[in-house]
Amino acid sequence: TAISLAFGLLSACAGQDVVEGPVALGNFKLGH
């Protein structure tokens, strides 16, 4: 039970590929 709960907690805490908001990159704009 403890092992199952631990795996369940880890699964719940692990989010999908979350894209955080942009960071400060000043005048950066992706060219090529």
ModelCIF file with pLDDT and N, C-alpha, C, O atoms, coordinates in Angstrom:
data_MODEL
#
_entry.id   MODEL 
#
_entity.id                         1 
_entity.type                       polymer 
_entity.pdbx_number_of_molecules   1 
#
_entity_poly.entity_id                      1 
_entity_poly.type                           'polypeptide(L)' 
_entity_poly.nstd_linkage                   no 
_entity_poly.nstd_monomer                   no 
_entity_poly.pdbx_seq_one_letter_code       TAISLAFGLLSACAGQDVVEGPVALGNFKLGH 
_entity_poly.pdbx_seq_one_letter_code_can   TAISLAFGLLSACAGQDVVEGPVALGNFKLGH 
_entity_poly.pdbx_strand_id                 A 
#
loop_
_entity_poly_seq.entity_id 
_entity_poly_seq.num 
_entity_poly_seq.mon_id 
_entity_poly_seq.hetero 
1 1  THR n 
1 2  ALA n 
1 3  ILE n 
1 4  SER n 
1 5  LEU n 
1 6  ALA n 
1 7  PHE n 
1 8  GLY n 
1 9  LEU n 
1 10 LEU n 
1 11 SER n 
1 12 ALA n 
1 13 CYS n 
1 14 ALA n 
1 15 GLY n 
1 16 GLN n 
1 17 ASP n 
1 18 VAL n 
1 19 VAL n 
1 20 GLU n 
1 21 GLY n 
1 22 PRO n 
1 23 VAL n 
1 24 ALA n 
1 25 LEU n 
1 26 GLY n 
1 27 ASN n 
1 28 PHE n 
1 29 LYS n 
1 30 LEU n 
1 31 GLY n 
1 32 HIS n 
#
_struct_asym.id          A 
_struct_asym.entity_id   1 
#
loop_
_ma_qa_metric.id 
_ma_qa_metric.mode 
_ma_qa_metric.name 
_ma_qa_metric.software_group_id 
_ma_qa_metric.type 
1 global pLDDT . pLDDT 
2 local  pLDDT . pLDDT 
#
_ma_qa_metric_global.metric_id      1 
_ma_qa_metric_global.metric_value   62.72 
_ma_qa_metric_global.model_id       1 
_ma_qa_metric_global.ordinal_id     1 
#
loop_
_ma_qa_metric_local.label_asym_id 
_ma_qa_metric_local.label_comp_id 
_ma_qa_metric_local.label_seq_id 
_ma_qa_metric_local.metric_id 
_ma_qa_metric_local.metric_value 
_ma_qa_metric_local.model_id 
_ma_qa_metric_local.ordinal_id 
A THR 1  2 33.00 1 1  
A ALA 2  2 37.00 1 2  
A ILE 3  2 36.00 1 3  
A SER 4  2 35.00 1 4  
A LEU 5  2 36.00 1 5  
A ALA 6  2 40.00 1 6  
A PHE 7  2 38.00 1 7  
A GLY 8  2 37.00 1 8  
A LEU 9  2 38.00 1 9  
A LEU 10 2 41.00 1 10 
A SER 11 2 37.00 1 11 
A ALA 12 2 36.00 1 12 
A CYS 13 2 41.00 1 13 
A ALA 14 2 43.00 1 14 
A GLY 15 2 43.00 1 15 
A GLN 16 2 46.00 1 16 
A ASP 17 2 53.00 1 17 
A VAL 18 2 61.00 1 18 
A VAL 19 2 66.00 1 19 
A GLU 20 2 83.00 1 20 
A GLY 21 2 86.00 1 21 
A PRO 22 2 88.00 1 22 
A VAL 23 2 90.00 1 23 
A ALA 24 2 91.00 1 24 
A LEU 25 2 95.00 1 25 
A GLY 26 2 95.00 1 26 
A ASN 27 2 96.00 1 27 
A PHE 28 2 97.00 1 28 
A LYS 29 2 97.00 1 29 
A LEU 30 2 98.00 1 30 
A GLY 31 2 97.00 1 31 
A HIS 32 2 97.00 1 32 
#
loop_
_atom_site.group_PDB 
_atom_site.id 
_atom_site.type_symbol 
_atom_site.label_atom_id 
_atom_site.label_alt_id 
_atom_site.label_comp_id 
_atom_site.label_asym_id 
_atom_site.label_entity_id 
_atom_site.label_seq_id 
_atom_site.pdbx_PDB_ins_code 
_atom_site.Cartn_x 
_atom_site.Cartn_y 
_atom_site.Cartn_z 
_atom_site.occupancy 
_atom_site.B_iso_or_equiv 
_atom_site.pdbx_formal_charge 
_atom_site.auth_seq_id 
_atom_site.auth_comp_id 
_atom_site.auth_asym_id 
_atom_site.auth_atom_id 
_atom_site.pdbx_PDB_model_num 
ATOM 1   N N  . THR A 1 1  ? 0.836  -1.201 0.000   1.00 33.00 ? 1  THR A N  1 
ATOM 2   C CA . THR A 1 1  ? 0.000  0.000  0.000   1.00 33.00 ? 1  THR A CA 1 
ATOM 3   C C  . THR A 1 1  ? 0.870  1.250  0.000   1.00 33.00 ? 1  THR A C  1 
ATOM 4   O O  . THR A 1 1  ? 0.601  2.196  -0.741  1.00 33.00 ? 1  THR A O  1 
ATOM 5   N N  . ALA A 1 2  ? 1.903  1.257  0.823   1.00 37.00 ? 2  ALA A N  1 
ATOM 6   C CA . ALA A 1 2  ? 2.803  2.409  0.892   1.00 37.00 ? 2  ALA A CA 1 
ATOM 7   C C  . ALA A 1 2  ? 3.507  2.635  -0.447  1.00 37.00 ? 2  ALA A C  1 
ATOM 8   O O  . ALA A 1 2  ? 3.644  3.774  -0.894  1.00 37.00 ? 2  ALA A O  1 
ATOM 9   N N  . ILE A 1 3  ? 3.948  1.562  -1.079  1.00 36.00 ? 3  ILE A N  1 
ATOM 10  C CA . ILE A 1 3  ? 4.614  1.683  -2.378  1.00 36.00 ? 3  ILE A CA 1 
ATOM 11  C C  . ILE A 1 3  ? 3.628  2.207  -3.420  1.00 36.00 ? 3  ILE A C  1 
ATOM 12  O O  . ILE A 1 3  ? 3.972  3.081  -4.215  1.00 36.00 ? 3  ILE A O  1 
ATOM 13  N N  . SER A 1 4  ? 2.413  1.680  -3.420  1.00 35.00 ? 4  SER A N  1 
ATOM 14  C CA . SER A 1 4  ? 1.393  2.142  -4.365  1.00 35.00 ? 4  SER A CA 1 
ATOM 15  C C  . SER A 1 4  ? 1.085  3.618  -4.169  1.00 35.00 ? 4  SER A C  1 
ATOM 16  O O  . SER A 1 4  ? 0.950  4.359  -5.143  1.00 35.00 ? 4  SER A O  1 
ATOM 17  N N  . LEU A 1 5  ? 0.974  4.049  -2.919  1.00 36.00 ? 5  LEU A N  1 
ATOM 18  C CA . LEU A 1 5  ? 0.711  5.454  -2.633  1.00 36.00 ? 5  LEU A CA 1 
ATOM 19  C C  . LEU A 1 5  ? 1.864  6.336  -3.096  1.00 36.00 ? 5  LEU A C  1 
ATOM 20  O O  . LEU A 1 5  ? 1.648  7.420  -3.637  1.00 36.00 ? 5  LEU A O  1 
ATOM 21  N N  . ALA A 1 6  ? 3.089  5.865  -2.881  1.00 40.00 ? 6  ALA A N  1 
ATOM 22  C CA . ALA A 1 6  ? 4.266  6.638  -3.294  1.00 40.00 ? 6  ALA A CA 1 
ATOM 23  C C  . ALA A 1 6  ? 4.283  6.816  -4.806  1.00 40.00 ? 6  ALA A C  1 
ATOM 24  O O  . ALA A 1 6  ? 4.531  7.916  -5.301  1.00 40.00 ? 6  ALA A O  1 
ATOM 25  N N  . PHE A 1 7  ? 4.019  5.727  -5.550  1.00 38.00 ? 7  PHE A N  1 
ATOM 26  C CA . PHE A 1 7  ? 3.978  5.841  -7.007  1.00 38.00 ? 7  PHE A CA 1 
ATOM 27  C C  . PHE A 1 7  ? 2.831  6.730  -7.459  1.00 38.00 ? 7  PHE A C  1 
ATOM 28  O O  . PHE A 1 7  ? 2.981  7.506  -8.402  1.00 38.00 ? 7  PHE A O  1 
ATOM 29  N N  . GLY A 1 8  ? 1.701  6.626  -6.803  1.00 37.00 ? 8  GLY A N  1 
ATOM 30  C CA . GLY A 1 8  ? 0.560  7.474  -7.136  1.00 37.00 ? 8  GLY A CA 1 
ATOM 31  C C  . GLY A 1 8  ? 0.862  8.938  -6.901  1.00 37.00 ? 8  GLY A C  1 
ATOM 32  O O  . GLY A 1 8  ? 0.509  9.791  -7.715  1.00 37.00 ? 8  GLY A O  1 
ATOM 33  N N  . LEU A 1 9  ? 1.518  9.232  -5.782  1.00 38.00 ? 9  LEU A N  1 
ATOM 34  C CA . LEU A 1 9  ? 1.887  10.613 -5.475  1.00 38.00 ? 9  LEU A CA 1 
ATOM 35  C C  . LEU A 1 9  ? 2.866  11.151 -6.503  1.00 38.00 ? 9  LEU A C  1 
ATOM 36  O O  . LEU A 1 9  ? 2.723  12.279 -6.975  1.00 38.00 ? 9  LEU A O  1 
ATOM 37  N N  . LEU A 1 10 ? 3.857  10.346 -6.849  1.00 41.00 ? 10 LEU A N  1 
ATOM 38  C CA . LEU A 1 10 ? 4.812  10.777 -7.867  1.00 41.00 ? 10 LEU A CA 1 
ATOM 39  C C  . LEU A 1 10 ? 4.112  11.030 -9.195  1.00 41.00 ? 10 LEU A C  1 
ATOM 40  O O  . LEU A 1 10 ? 4.424  12.000 -9.884  1.00 41.00 ? 10 LEU A O  1 
ATOM 41  N N  . SER A 1 11 ? 3.186  10.181 -9.553  1.00 37.00 ? 11 SER A N  1 
ATOM 42  C CA . SER A 1 11 ? 2.450  10.359 -10.812 1.00 37.00 ? 11 SER A CA 1 
ATOM 43  C C  . SER A 1 11 ? 1.625  11.635 -10.782 1.00 37.00 ? 11 SER A C  1 
ATOM 44  O O  . SER A 1 11 ? 1.555  12.360 -11.774 1.00 37.00 ? 11 SER A O  1 
ATOM 45  N N  . ALA A 1 12 ? 1.005  11.906 -9.647  1.00 36.00 ? 12 ALA A N  1 
ATOM 46  C CA . ALA A 1 12 ? 0.165  13.102 -9.536  1.00 36.00 ? 12 ALA A CA 1 
ATOM 47  C C  . ALA A 1 12 ? 1.006  14.372 -9.566  1.00 36.00 ? 12 ALA A C  1 
ATOM 48  O O  . ALA A 1 12 ? 0.597  15.379 -10.145 1.00 36.00 ? 12 ALA A O  1 
ATOM 49  N N  . CYS A 1 13 ? 2.176  14.325 -8.943  1.00 41.00 ? 13 CYS A N  1 
ATOM 50  C CA . CYS A 1 13 ? 3.037  15.510 -8.873  1.00 41.00 ? 13 CYS A CA 1 
ATOM 51  C C  . CYS A 1 13 ? 3.704  15.802 -10.203 1.00 41.00 ? 13 CYS A C  1 
ATOM 52  O O  . CYS A 1 13 ? 4.016  16.952 -10.512 1.00 41.00 ? 13 CYS A O  1 
ATOM 53  N N  . ALA A 1 14 ? 3.921  14.763 -10.986 1.00 43.00 ? 14 ALA A N  1 
ATOM 54  C CA . ALA A 1 14 ? 4.624  14.950 -12.248 1.00 43.00 ? 14 ALA A CA 1 
ATOM 55  C C  . ALA A 1 14 ? 3.652  15.460 -13.292 1.00 43.00 ? 14 ALA A C  1 
ATOM 56  O O  . ALA A 1 14 ? 2.827  14.705 -13.806 1.00 43.00 ? 14 ALA A O  1 
ATOM 57  N N  . GLY A 1 15 ? 3.749  16.737 -13.604 1.00 43.00 ? 15 GLY A N  1 
ATOM 58  C CA . GLY A 1 15 ? 2.848  17.317 -14.577 1.00 43.00 ? 15 GLY A CA 1 
ATOM 59  C C  . GLY A 1 15 ? 3.258  16.957 -15.990 1.00 43.00 ? 15 GLY A C  1 
ATOM 60  O O  . GLY A 1 15 ? 4.326  16.391 -16.224 1.00 43.00 ? 15 GLY A O  1 
ATOM 61  N N  . GLN A 1 16 ? 2.399  17.291 -16.915 1.00 46.00 ? 16 GLN A N  1 
ATOM 62  C CA . GLN A 1 16 ? 2.725  17.111 -18.318 1.00 46.00 ? 16 GLN A CA 1 
ATOM 63  C C  . GLN A 1 16 ? 3.779  18.151 -18.678 1.00 46.00 ? 16 GLN A C  1 
ATOM 64  O O  . GLN A 1 16 ? 4.301  18.843 -17.804 1.00 46.00 ? 16 GLN A O  1 
ATOM 65  N N  . ASP A 1 17 ? 4.084  18.256 -19.940 1.00 53.00 ? 17 ASP A N  1 
ATOM 66  C CA . ASP A 1 17 ? 5.086  19.208 -20.402 1.00 53.00 ? 17 ASP A CA 1 
ATOM 67  C C  . ASP A 1 17 ? 4.549  20.622 -20.242 1.00 53.00 ? 17 ASP A C  1 
ATOM 68  O O  . ASP A 1 17 ? 3.983  21.192 -21.175 1.00 53.00 ? 17 ASP A O  1 
ATOM 69  N N  . VAL A 1 18 ? 4.730  21.173 -19.069 1.00 61.00 ? 18 VAL A N  1 
ATOM 70  C CA . VAL A 1 18 ? 4.217  22.500 -18.760 1.00 61.00 ? 18 VAL A CA 1 
ATOM 71  C C  . VAL A 1 18 ? 5.173  23.541 -19.324 1.00 61.00 ? 18 VAL A C  1 
ATOM 72  O O  . VAL A 1 18 ? 6.374  23.509 -19.057 1.00 61.00 ? 18 VAL A O  1 
ATOM 73  N N  . VAL A 1 19 ? 4.634  24.447 -20.096 1.00 66.00 ? 19 VAL A N  1 
ATOM 74  C CA . VAL A 1 19 ? 5.443  25.537 -20.642 1.00 66.00 ? 19 VAL A CA 1 
ATOM 75  C C  . VAL A 1 19 ? 5.203  26.750 -19.761 1.00 66.00 ? 19 VAL A C  1 
ATOM 76  O O  . VAL A 1 19 ? 4.120  27.337 -19.762 1.00 66.00 ? 19 VAL A O  1 
ATOM 77  N N  . GLU A 1 20 ? 6.227  27.111 -19.017 1.00 83.00 ? 20 GLU A N  1 
ATOM 78  C CA . GLU A 1 20 ? 6.136  28.275 -18.153 1.00 83.00 ? 20 GLU A CA 1 
ATOM 79  C C  . GLU A 1 20 ? 6.093  29.526 -19.017 1.00 83.00 ? 20 GLU A C  1 
ATOM 80  O O  . GLU A 1 20 ? 6.365  29.479 -20.217 1.00 83.00 ? 20 GLU A O  1 
ATOM 81  N N  . GLY A 1 21 ? 5.750  30.630 -18.398 1.00 86.00 ? 21 GLY A N  1 
ATOM 82  C CA . GLY A 1 21 ? 5.730  31.898 -19.110 1.00 86.00 ? 21 GLY A CA 1 
ATOM 83  C C  . GLY A 1 21 ? 7.117  32.262 -19.611 1.00 86.00 ? 21 GLY A C  1 
ATOM 84  O O  . GLY A 1 21 ? 8.118  31.749 -19.111 1.00 86.00 ? 21 GLY A O  1 
ATOM 85  N N  . PRO A 1 22 ? 7.177  33.150 -20.603 1.00 88.00 ? 22 PRO A N  1 
ATOM 86  C CA . PRO A 1 22 ? 8.477  33.578 -21.125 1.00 88.00 ? 22 PRO A CA 1 
ATOM 87  C C  . PRO A 1 22 ? 9.348  34.213 -20.032 1.00 88.00 ? 22 PRO A C  1 
ATOM 88  O O  . PRO A 1 22 ? 8.846  34.811 -19.081 1.00 88.00 ? 22 PRO A O  1 
ATOM 89  N N  . VAL A 1 23 ? 10.649 34.065 -20.196 1.00 90.00 ? 23 VAL A N  1 
ATOM 90  C CA . VAL A 1 23 ? 11.616 34.680 -19.291 1.00 90.00 ? 23 VAL A CA 1 
ATOM 91  C C  . VAL A 1 23 ? 12.098 35.985 -19.935 1.00 90.00 ? 23 VAL A C  1 
ATOM 92  O O  . VAL A 1 23 ? 11.775 36.262 -21.090 1.00 90.00 ? 23 VAL A O  1 
ATOM 93  N N  . ALA A 1 24 ? 12.859 36.774 -19.202 1.00 91.00 ? 24 ALA A N  1 
ATOM 94  C CA . ALA A 1 24 ? 13.368 38.043 -19.727 1.00 91.00 ? 24 ALA A CA 1 
ATOM 95  C C  . ALA A 1 24 ? 14.469 37.774 -20.754 1.00 91.00 ? 24 ALA A C  1 
ATOM 96  O O  . ALA A 1 24 ? 15.569 37.347 -20.403 1.00 91.00 ? 24 ALA A O  1 
ATOM 97  N N  . LEU A 1 25 ? 14.155 38.030 -22.033 1.00 95.00 ? 25 LEU A N  1 
ATOM 98  C CA . LEU A 1 25 ? 15.162 37.875 -23.084 1.00 95.00 ? 25 LEU A CA 1 
ATOM 99  C C  . LEU A 1 25 ? 15.315 39.158 -23.907 1.00 95.00 ? 25 LEU A C  1 
ATOM 100 O O  . LEU A 1 25 ? 15.710 39.110 -25.072 1.00 95.00 ? 25 LEU A O  1 
ATOM 101 N N  . GLY A 1 26 ? 15.003 40.289 -23.301 1.00 95.00 ? 26 GLY A N  1 
ATOM 102 C CA . GLY A 1 26 ? 15.254 41.584 -23.931 1.00 95.00 ? 26 GLY A CA 1 
ATOM 103 C C  . GLY A 1 26 ? 14.762 41.683 -25.352 1.00 95.00 ? 26 GLY A C  1 
ATOM 104 O O  . GLY A 1 26 ? 13.576 41.497 -25.625 1.00 95.00 ? 26 GLY A O  1 
ATOM 105 N N  . ASN A 1 27 ? 15.689 41.980 -26.271 1.00 96.00 ? 27 ASN A N  1 
ATOM 106 C CA . ASN A 1 27 ? 15.319 42.215 -27.662 1.00 96.00 ? 27 ASN A CA 1 
ATOM 107 C C  . ASN A 1 27 ? 15.321 40.936 -28.515 1.00 96.00 ? 27 ASN A C  1 
ATOM 108 O O  . ASN A 1 27 ? 15.293 41.019 -29.743 1.00 96.00 ? 27 ASN A O  1 
ATOM 109 N N  . PHE A 1 28 ? 15.353 39.770 -27.887 1.00 97.00 ? 28 PHE A N  1 
ATOM 110 C CA . PHE A 1 28 ? 15.430 38.485 -28.605 1.00 97.00 ? 28 PHE A CA 1 
ATOM 111 C C  . PHE A 1 28 ? 14.178 38.203 -29.430 1.00 97.00 ? 28 PHE A C  1 
ATOM 112 O O  . PHE A 1 28 ? 13.052 38.306 -28.944 1.00 97.00 ? 28 PHE A O  1 
ATOM 113 N N  . LYS A 1 29 ? 14.409 37.845 -30.689 1.00 97.00 ? 29 LYS A N  1 
ATOM 114 C CA . LYS A 1 29 ? 13.364 37.327 -31.562 1.00 97.00 ? 29 LYS A CA 1 
ATOM 115 C C  . LYS A 1 29 ? 14.021 36.226 -32.391 1.00 97.00 ? 29 LYS A C  1 
ATOM 116 O O  . LYS A 1 29 ? 15.058 36.444 -33.018 1.00 97.00 ? 29 LYS A O  1 
ATOM 117 N N  . LEU A 1 30 ? 13.411 35.049 -32.387 1.00 98.00 ? 30 LEU A N  1 
ATOM 118 C CA . LEU A 1 30 ? 13.995 33.907 -33.092 1.00 98.00 ? 30 LEU A CA 1 
ATOM 119 C C  . LEU A 1 30 ? 13.943 34.129 -34.595 1.00 98.00 ? 30 LEU A C  1 
ATOM 120 O O  . LEU A 1 30 ? 12.874 34.321 -35.176 1.00 98.00 ? 30 LEU A O  1 
ATOM 121 N N  . GLY A 1 31 ? 15.103 34.098 -35.203 1.00 97.00 ? 31 GLY A N  1 
ATOM 122 C CA . GLY A 1 31 ? 15.199 34.173 -36.656 1.00 97.00 ? 31 GLY A CA 1 
ATOM 123 C C  . GLY A 1 31 ? 15.228 32.759 -37.209 1.00 97.00 ? 31 GLY A C  1 
ATOM 124 O O  . GLY A 1 31 ? 14.219 32.054 -37.181 1.00 97.00 ? 31 GLY A O  1 
ATOM 125 N N  . HIS A 1 32 ? 16.371 32.348 -37.705 1.00 97.00 ? 32 HIS A N  1 
ATOM 126 C CA . HIS A 1 32 ? 16.517 30.986 -38.224 1.00 97.00 ? 32 HIS A CA 1 
ATOM 127 C C  . HIS A 1 32 ? 16.720 30.019 -37.068 1.00 97.00 ? 32 HIS A C  1 
ATOM 128 O O  . HIS A 1 32 ? 16.864 28.816 -37.287 1.00 97.00 ? 32 HIS A O  1 
#
